[in-house]
């Protein structure tokens, strides 16, 4: 396991993107964003080490709300990130396998019925709440 972890790239993932990735259905802000999201999902399927962040990540790079390295919705997404970190008992900057983070997001938020307390005002929440 250690050899595999050394060879793989460490991906940066915003805390709230753990929820977005769990419910992604091919919709998004733009075709570039959707294509990047699909690529990130494919890479994460290899279970790489990720660093949980509250700043721009590997998903944000294709988001039209990211201007000059700053998210135009920073207050809202910071709130989402901080709530996910709190629910999962994590801190910004922690590293772990993608599967470990997925499991925490699922058990502590999705299965626990806490999504509504985190992202009910997200423009994409209708996708998640339909699932």
N, C-alpha and C. Protein backbone atom coordinates (compact mmCIF):
# COMPACT_ATOMS: atom_id res chain seq x y z
N UNK A 1 0.83 -1.19 0.00
CA UNK A 1 0.00 0.00 0.00
C UNK A 1 0.87 1.25 0.00
N UNK A 2 1.91 1.27 0.75
CA UNK A 2 2.76 2.47 0.84
C UNK A 2 3.37 2.83 -0.51
N UNK A 3 3.80 1.84 -1.27
CA UNK A 3 4.39 2.13 -2.58
C UNK A 3 3.37 2.78 -3.50
N UNK A 4 2.17 2.28 -3.50
CA UNK A 4 1.12 2.84 -4.35
C UNK A 4 0.85 4.29 -3.96
N UNK A 5 0.82 4.58 -2.69
CA UNK A 5 0.52 5.92 -2.22
C UNK A 5 1.63 6.90 -2.61
N UNK A 6 2.86 6.47 -2.62
CA UNK A 6 3.97 7.35 -2.97
C UNK A 6 3.92 7.72 -4.45
N UNK A 7 3.52 6.78 -5.31
CA UNK A 7 3.53 7.01 -6.74
C UNK A 7 2.36 7.87 -7.23
N UNK A 8 1.27 7.89 -6.50
CA UNK A 8 0.08 8.59 -6.97
C UNK A 8 0.10 10.07 -6.58
N UNK A 9 -0.47 10.87 -7.43
CA UNK A 9 -0.59 12.30 -7.18
C UNK A 9 -1.54 12.53 -6.00
N UNK A 10 -1.24 13.54 -5.22
CA UNK A 10 -2.10 13.93 -4.11
C UNK A 10 -3.07 14.99 -4.64
N UNK A 11 -4.36 14.68 -4.63
CA UNK A 11 -5.38 15.60 -5.13
C UNK A 11 -5.88 16.49 -4.01
N UNK A 12 -6.14 17.74 -4.34
CA UNK A 12 -6.77 18.67 -3.40
C UNK A 12 -8.27 18.64 -3.65
N UNK A 13 -9.03 18.39 -2.59
CA UNK A 13 -10.48 18.34 -2.71
C UNK A 13 -11.10 19.22 -1.62
N UNK A 14 -11.91 20.18 -2.03
CA UNK A 14 -12.64 21.01 -1.06
C UNK A 14 -13.54 20.09 -0.25
N UNK A 15 -13.69 20.37 1.02
CA UNK A 15 -14.49 19.52 1.90
C UNK A 15 -15.90 19.30 1.35
N UNK A 16 -16.58 20.35 0.93
CA UNK A 16 -17.96 20.17 0.47
C UNK A 16 -18.06 19.43 -0.85
N UNK A 17 -16.97 19.34 -1.58
CA UNK A 17 -17.00 18.59 -2.84
C UNK A 17 -17.16 17.10 -2.59
N UNK A 18 -16.92 16.65 -1.36
CA UNK A 18 -17.21 15.26 -1.02
C UNK A 18 -18.68 14.95 -1.23
N UNK A 19 -19.53 15.94 -0.96
CA UNK A 19 -20.97 15.77 -1.20
C UNK A 19 -21.29 15.88 -2.69
N UNK A 20 -20.73 16.88 -3.34
CA UNK A 20 -20.99 17.09 -4.78
C UNK A 20 -20.61 15.84 -5.59
N UNK A 21 -19.47 15.28 -5.27
CA UNK A 21 -18.98 14.11 -6.01
C UNK A 21 -19.87 12.89 -5.79
N UNK A 22 -20.47 12.79 -4.61
CA UNK A 22 -21.32 11.64 -4.30
C UNK A 22 -22.60 11.63 -5.14
N UNK A 23 -23.03 12.80 -5.59
CA UNK A 23 -24.30 12.90 -6.31
C UNK A 23 -24.18 13.41 -7.75
N UNK A 24 -22.97 13.54 -8.24
CA UNK A 24 -22.76 14.09 -9.58
C UNK A 24 -23.46 13.25 -10.63
N UNK A 25 -24.22 13.92 -11.49
CA UNK A 25 -24.97 13.22 -12.54
C UNK A 25 -24.71 13.80 -13.92
N UNK A 26 -23.61 14.50 -14.10
CA UNK A 26 -23.28 15.02 -15.41
C UNK A 26 -23.78 16.41 -15.69
N UNK A 27 -24.30 17.09 -14.66
CA UNK A 27 -24.74 18.47 -14.83
C UNK A 27 -23.72 19.38 -14.17
N UNK A 28 -23.67 20.63 -14.64
CA UNK A 28 -22.72 21.56 -14.04
C UNK A 28 -22.79 22.93 -14.67
N UNK A 29 -21.89 23.77 -14.25
CA UNK A 29 -21.87 25.17 -14.68
C UNK A 29 -21.59 25.34 -16.17
N UNK A 30 -20.79 24.46 -16.74
CA UNK A 30 -20.38 24.56 -18.14
C UNK A 30 -19.89 23.19 -18.60
N UNK A 31 -19.71 23.03 -19.91
CA UNK A 31 -19.20 21.75 -20.42
C UNK A 31 -17.77 21.51 -19.94
N UNK A 32 -16.95 22.55 -19.83
CA UNK A 32 -15.59 22.40 -19.30
C UNK A 32 -15.64 21.90 -17.86
N UNK A 33 -16.54 22.47 -17.07
CA UNK A 33 -16.67 22.06 -15.67
C UNK A 33 -17.09 20.59 -15.59
N UNK A 34 -18.10 20.21 -16.37
CA UNK A 34 -18.60 18.83 -16.35
C UNK A 34 -17.51 17.86 -16.79
N UNK A 35 -16.78 18.19 -17.84
CA UNK A 35 -15.70 17.31 -18.31
C UNK A 35 -14.60 17.17 -17.26
N UNK A 36 -14.25 18.27 -16.61
CA UNK A 36 -13.24 18.20 -15.55
C UNK A 36 -13.74 17.36 -14.38
N UNK A 37 -15.01 17.52 -14.02
CA UNK A 37 -15.59 16.75 -12.92
C UNK A 37 -15.51 15.25 -13.24
N UNK A 38 -15.83 14.89 -14.47
CA UNK A 38 -15.75 13.48 -14.88
C UNK A 38 -14.31 12.96 -14.78
N UNK A 39 -13.35 13.78 -15.19
CA UNK A 39 -11.94 13.38 -15.10
C UNK A 39 -11.51 13.21 -13.64
N UNK A 40 -11.93 14.12 -12.78
CA UNK A 40 -11.58 14.01 -11.36
C UNK A 40 -12.19 12.75 -10.78
N UNK A 41 -13.45 12.46 -11.10
CA UNK A 41 -14.11 11.25 -10.60
C UNK A 41 -13.35 10.01 -11.06
N UNK A 42 -12.93 10.00 -12.32
CA UNK A 42 -12.17 8.86 -12.84
C UNK A 42 -10.86 8.68 -12.06
N UNK A 43 -10.17 9.77 -11.80
CA UNK A 43 -8.90 9.70 -11.06
C UNK A 43 -9.14 9.27 -9.61
N UNK A 44 -10.22 9.75 -9.01
CA UNK A 44 -10.51 9.39 -7.63
C UNK A 44 -10.91 7.92 -7.51
N UNK A 45 -11.39 7.32 -8.59
CA UNK A 45 -11.76 5.91 -8.56
C UNK A 45 -10.55 5.01 -8.29
N UNK A 46 -9.35 5.56 -8.48
CA UNK A 46 -8.12 4.82 -8.19
C UNK A 46 -7.74 4.92 -6.71
N UNK A 47 -8.57 5.60 -5.92
CA UNK A 47 -8.39 5.76 -4.47
C UNK A 47 -7.06 6.41 -4.09
N UNK A 48 -6.78 7.58 -4.66
CA UNK A 48 -5.52 8.26 -4.32
C UNK A 48 -5.60 8.92 -2.95
N UNK A 49 -4.47 9.38 -2.49
CA UNK A 49 -4.44 10.21 -1.29
C UNK A 49 -4.96 11.58 -1.70
N UNK A 50 -5.80 12.15 -0.86
CA UNK A 50 -6.30 13.50 -1.10
C UNK A 50 -5.96 14.38 0.09
N UNK A 51 -5.91 15.67 -0.16
CA UNK A 51 -5.79 16.65 0.91
C UNK A 51 -7.09 17.42 0.95
N UNK A 52 -7.73 17.43 2.11
CA UNK A 52 -8.97 18.16 2.28
C UNK A 52 -8.63 19.64 2.43
N UNK A 53 -9.29 20.47 1.64
CA UNK A 53 -8.98 21.90 1.65
C UNK A 53 -10.24 22.74 1.75
N UNK A 54 -10.04 24.01 2.07
CA UNK A 54 -11.14 24.98 2.04
C UNK A 54 -10.81 26.09 1.05
N UNK A 55 -9.93 25.76 0.11
CA UNK A 55 -9.57 26.72 -0.94
C UNK A 55 -9.79 26.05 -2.29
N UNK A 56 -9.44 26.73 -3.36
CA UNK A 56 -9.65 26.16 -4.68
C UNK A 56 -8.97 24.80 -4.80
N UNK A 57 -9.66 23.87 -5.45
CA UNK A 57 -9.15 22.51 -5.55
C UNK A 57 -9.13 22.05 -7.00
N UNK A 58 -8.97 20.74 -7.19
CA UNK A 58 -8.89 20.19 -8.54
C UNK A 58 -10.21 20.26 -9.30
N UNK A 59 -11.30 20.46 -8.61
CA UNK A 59 -12.60 20.63 -9.26
C UNK A 59 -12.80 22.10 -9.64
N UNK A 60 -12.41 22.99 -8.77
CA UNK A 60 -12.62 24.43 -8.99
C UNK A 60 -11.90 24.98 -10.22
N UNK A 61 -10.86 24.31 -10.67
CA UNK A 61 -10.06 24.87 -11.77
C UNK A 61 -10.87 25.12 -13.03
N UNK A 62 -11.99 24.40 -13.21
CA UNK A 62 -12.82 24.59 -14.40
C UNK A 62 -14.15 25.27 -14.09
N UNK A 63 -14.29 25.79 -12.90
CA UNK A 63 -15.54 26.44 -12.51
C UNK A 63 -15.55 27.89 -12.99
N UNK A 64 -16.62 28.31 -13.65
CA UNK A 64 -16.69 29.70 -14.10
C UNK A 64 -16.79 30.71 -12.95
N UNK A 65 -17.08 30.25 -11.74
CA UNK A 65 -17.13 31.14 -10.57
C UNK A 65 -15.74 31.40 -9.99
N UNK A 66 -14.74 30.73 -10.52
CA UNK A 66 -13.35 30.92 -10.08
C UNK A 66 -12.70 31.96 -10.98
N UNK A 67 -12.42 33.11 -10.42
CA UNK A 67 -11.82 34.21 -11.18
C UNK A 67 -10.50 34.60 -10.54
N UNK A 68 -9.43 34.50 -11.31
CA UNK A 68 -8.10 34.88 -10.82
C UNK A 68 -7.75 34.19 -9.50
N UNK A 69 -8.11 32.91 -9.41
CA UNK A 69 -7.77 32.13 -8.22
C UNK A 69 -8.65 32.39 -7.01
N UNK A 70 -9.77 33.08 -7.21
CA UNK A 70 -10.69 33.37 -6.10
C UNK A 70 -12.10 32.96 -6.51
N UNK A 71 -12.79 32.28 -5.60
CA UNK A 71 -14.16 31.87 -5.84
C UNK A 71 -15.09 33.05 -5.61
N UNK A 72 -15.96 33.32 -6.57
CA UNK A 72 -16.92 34.42 -6.43
C UNK A 72 -17.98 34.13 -5.38
N UNK A 73 -18.14 32.87 -5.00
CA UNK A 73 -19.13 32.47 -3.99
C UNK A 73 -18.43 32.05 -2.71
N UNK A 74 -17.32 32.68 -2.39
CA UNK A 74 -16.45 32.23 -1.31
C UNK A 74 -17.14 32.10 0.04
N UNK A 75 -18.00 33.04 0.40
CA UNK A 75 -18.66 32.96 1.70
C UNK A 75 -19.53 31.72 1.81
N UNK A 76 -20.30 31.45 0.77
CA UNK A 76 -21.19 30.29 0.79
C UNK A 76 -20.39 28.99 0.79
N UNK A 77 -19.40 28.86 -0.08
CA UNK A 77 -18.66 27.60 -0.14
C UNK A 77 -17.78 27.40 1.10
N UNK A 78 -17.29 28.46 1.69
CA UNK A 78 -16.56 28.32 2.96
C UNK A 78 -17.48 27.78 4.05
N UNK A 79 -18.72 28.26 4.06
CA UNK A 79 -19.69 27.75 5.04
C UNK A 79 -19.92 26.26 4.81
N UNK A 80 -20.12 25.87 3.55
CA UNK A 80 -20.30 24.45 3.23
C UNK A 80 -19.09 23.64 3.68
N UNK A 81 -17.89 24.11 3.34
CA UNK A 81 -16.66 23.40 3.70
C UNK A 81 -16.55 23.22 5.21
N UNK A 82 -16.75 24.30 5.94
CA UNK A 82 -16.59 24.24 7.40
C UNK A 82 -17.62 23.34 8.05
N UNK A 83 -18.83 23.32 7.52
CA UNK A 83 -19.85 22.42 8.06
C UNK A 83 -19.52 20.96 7.77
N UNK A 84 -19.01 20.67 6.59
CA UNK A 84 -18.60 19.29 6.26
C UNK A 84 -17.45 18.87 7.17
N UNK A 85 -16.46 19.73 7.33
CA UNK A 85 -15.33 19.40 8.21
C UNK A 85 -15.82 19.10 9.62
N UNK A 86 -16.70 19.94 10.13
CA UNK A 86 -17.21 19.75 11.49
C UNK A 86 -17.98 18.44 11.62
N UNK A 87 -18.89 18.18 10.68
CA UNK A 87 -19.69 16.95 10.74
C UNK A 87 -18.81 15.70 10.66
N UNK A 88 -17.75 15.77 9.86
CA UNK A 88 -16.89 14.60 9.66
C UNK A 88 -15.77 14.51 10.69
N UNK A 89 -15.63 15.52 11.54
CA UNK A 89 -14.56 15.51 12.54
C UNK A 89 -13.18 15.66 11.90
N UNK A 90 -13.11 16.46 10.85
CA UNK A 90 -11.85 16.66 10.12
C UNK A 90 -11.39 18.10 10.23
N UNK A 91 -10.13 18.32 9.81
CA UNK A 91 -9.58 19.66 9.75
C UNK A 91 -9.02 19.91 8.36
N UNK A 92 -9.05 21.16 7.96
CA UNK A 92 -8.47 21.55 6.68
C UNK A 92 -7.00 21.14 6.66
N UNK A 93 -6.56 20.58 5.55
CA UNK A 93 -5.17 20.17 5.41
C UNK A 93 -4.92 18.70 5.72
N UNK A 94 -5.93 18.01 6.26
CA UNK A 94 -5.75 16.58 6.54
C UNK A 94 -5.62 15.82 5.22
N UNK A 95 -4.81 14.77 5.25
CA UNK A 95 -4.66 13.91 4.08
C UNK A 95 -5.16 12.52 4.44
N UNK A 96 -5.75 11.87 3.46
CA UNK A 96 -6.28 10.51 3.64
C UNK A 96 -6.59 9.94 2.27
N UNK A 97 -6.87 8.66 2.24
CA UNK A 97 -7.31 8.05 1.00
C UNK A 97 -8.69 8.58 0.65
N UNK A 98 -8.95 8.71 -0.63
CA UNK A 98 -10.25 9.18 -1.09
C UNK A 98 -11.37 8.33 -0.49
N UNK A 99 -11.19 7.02 -0.44
CA UNK A 99 -12.24 6.14 0.09
C UNK A 99 -12.53 6.42 1.56
N UNK A 100 -11.53 6.82 2.33
CA UNK A 100 -11.76 7.17 3.74
C UNK A 100 -12.62 8.42 3.84
N UNK A 101 -12.31 9.41 3.02
CA UNK A 101 -13.10 10.64 3.03
C UNK A 101 -14.53 10.35 2.57
N UNK A 102 -14.67 9.58 1.50
CA UNK A 102 -16.00 9.20 1.01
C UNK A 102 -16.81 8.54 2.11
N UNK A 103 -16.19 7.63 2.84
CA UNK A 103 -16.88 6.92 3.90
C UNK A 103 -17.33 7.88 5.00
N UNK A 104 -16.47 8.80 5.40
CA UNK A 104 -16.84 9.78 6.43
C UNK A 104 -18.01 10.65 5.97
N UNK A 105 -17.94 11.13 4.74
CA UNK A 105 -19.02 11.97 4.21
C UNK A 105 -20.33 11.18 4.18
N UNK A 106 -20.25 9.93 3.75
CA UNK A 106 -21.47 9.12 3.67
C UNK A 106 -22.05 8.85 5.05
N UNK A 107 -21.23 8.36 5.97
CA UNK A 107 -21.77 7.97 7.27
C UNK A 107 -22.15 9.16 8.15
N UNK A 108 -21.34 10.19 8.14
CA UNK A 108 -21.56 11.32 9.05
C UNK A 108 -22.56 12.35 8.52
N UNK A 109 -22.75 12.38 7.19
CA UNK A 109 -23.63 13.41 6.62
C UNK A 109 -24.79 12.80 5.84
N UNK A 110 -24.49 12.05 4.79
CA UNK A 110 -25.55 11.55 3.91
C UNK A 110 -26.47 10.58 4.64
N UNK A 111 -25.91 9.48 5.17
CA UNK A 111 -26.72 8.48 5.87
C UNK A 111 -27.33 9.03 7.15
N UNK A 112 -26.67 10.01 7.75
CA UNK A 112 -27.17 10.62 8.99
C UNK A 112 -28.26 11.66 8.73
N UNK A 113 -28.56 11.92 7.46
CA UNK A 113 -29.62 12.86 7.11
C UNK A 113 -29.29 14.31 7.41
N UNK A 114 -28.01 14.67 7.30
CA UNK A 114 -27.58 16.02 7.67
C UNK A 114 -27.28 16.94 6.47
N UNK A 115 -27.52 16.45 5.27
CA UNK A 115 -27.20 17.28 4.10
C UNK A 115 -27.96 18.60 4.10
N UNK A 116 -29.22 18.55 4.49
CA UNK A 116 -30.04 19.76 4.47
C UNK A 116 -29.48 20.86 5.36
N UNK A 117 -28.77 20.48 6.41
CA UNK A 117 -28.19 21.49 7.31
C UNK A 117 -26.92 22.10 6.73
N UNK A 118 -26.39 21.50 5.69
CA UNK A 118 -25.14 21.98 5.10
C UNK A 118 -25.37 22.77 3.83
N UNK A 119 -26.12 22.21 2.90
CA UNK A 119 -26.15 22.81 1.56
C UNK A 119 -27.55 22.99 0.99
N UNK A 120 -28.52 23.25 1.83
CA UNK A 120 -29.88 23.42 1.32
C UNK A 120 -30.03 24.59 0.35
N UNK A 121 -29.14 25.60 0.45
CA UNK A 121 -29.23 26.75 -0.45
C UNK A 121 -28.34 26.63 -1.69
N UNK A 122 -27.78 25.46 -1.92
CA UNK A 122 -26.96 25.23 -3.12
C UNK A 122 -27.87 25.14 -4.34
N UNK A 123 -27.44 25.78 -5.43
CA UNK A 123 -28.25 25.77 -6.64
C UNK A 123 -28.38 24.37 -7.26
N UNK A 124 -27.51 23.44 -6.87
CA UNK A 124 -27.54 22.09 -7.40
C UNK A 124 -28.16 21.09 -6.44
N UNK A 125 -28.64 21.53 -5.29
CA UNK A 125 -29.12 20.60 -4.26
C UNK A 125 -30.31 19.76 -4.73
N UNK A 126 -31.08 20.24 -5.68
CA UNK A 126 -32.22 19.46 -6.18
C UNK A 126 -31.75 18.10 -6.70
N UNK A 127 -30.55 18.04 -7.26
CA UNK A 127 -30.02 16.77 -7.77
C UNK A 127 -29.78 15.82 -6.60
N UNK A 128 -29.18 16.32 -5.56
CA UNK A 128 -28.85 15.49 -4.40
C UNK A 128 -30.10 15.02 -3.67
N UNK A 129 -31.05 15.92 -3.48
CA UNK A 129 -32.24 15.58 -2.71
C UNK A 129 -33.20 14.69 -3.48
N UNK A 130 -33.06 14.63 -4.81
CA UNK A 130 -33.86 13.70 -5.62
C UNK A 130 -33.31 12.28 -5.53
N UNK A 131 -32.02 12.15 -5.24
CA UNK A 131 -31.36 10.84 -5.22
C UNK A 131 -31.69 10.05 -3.98
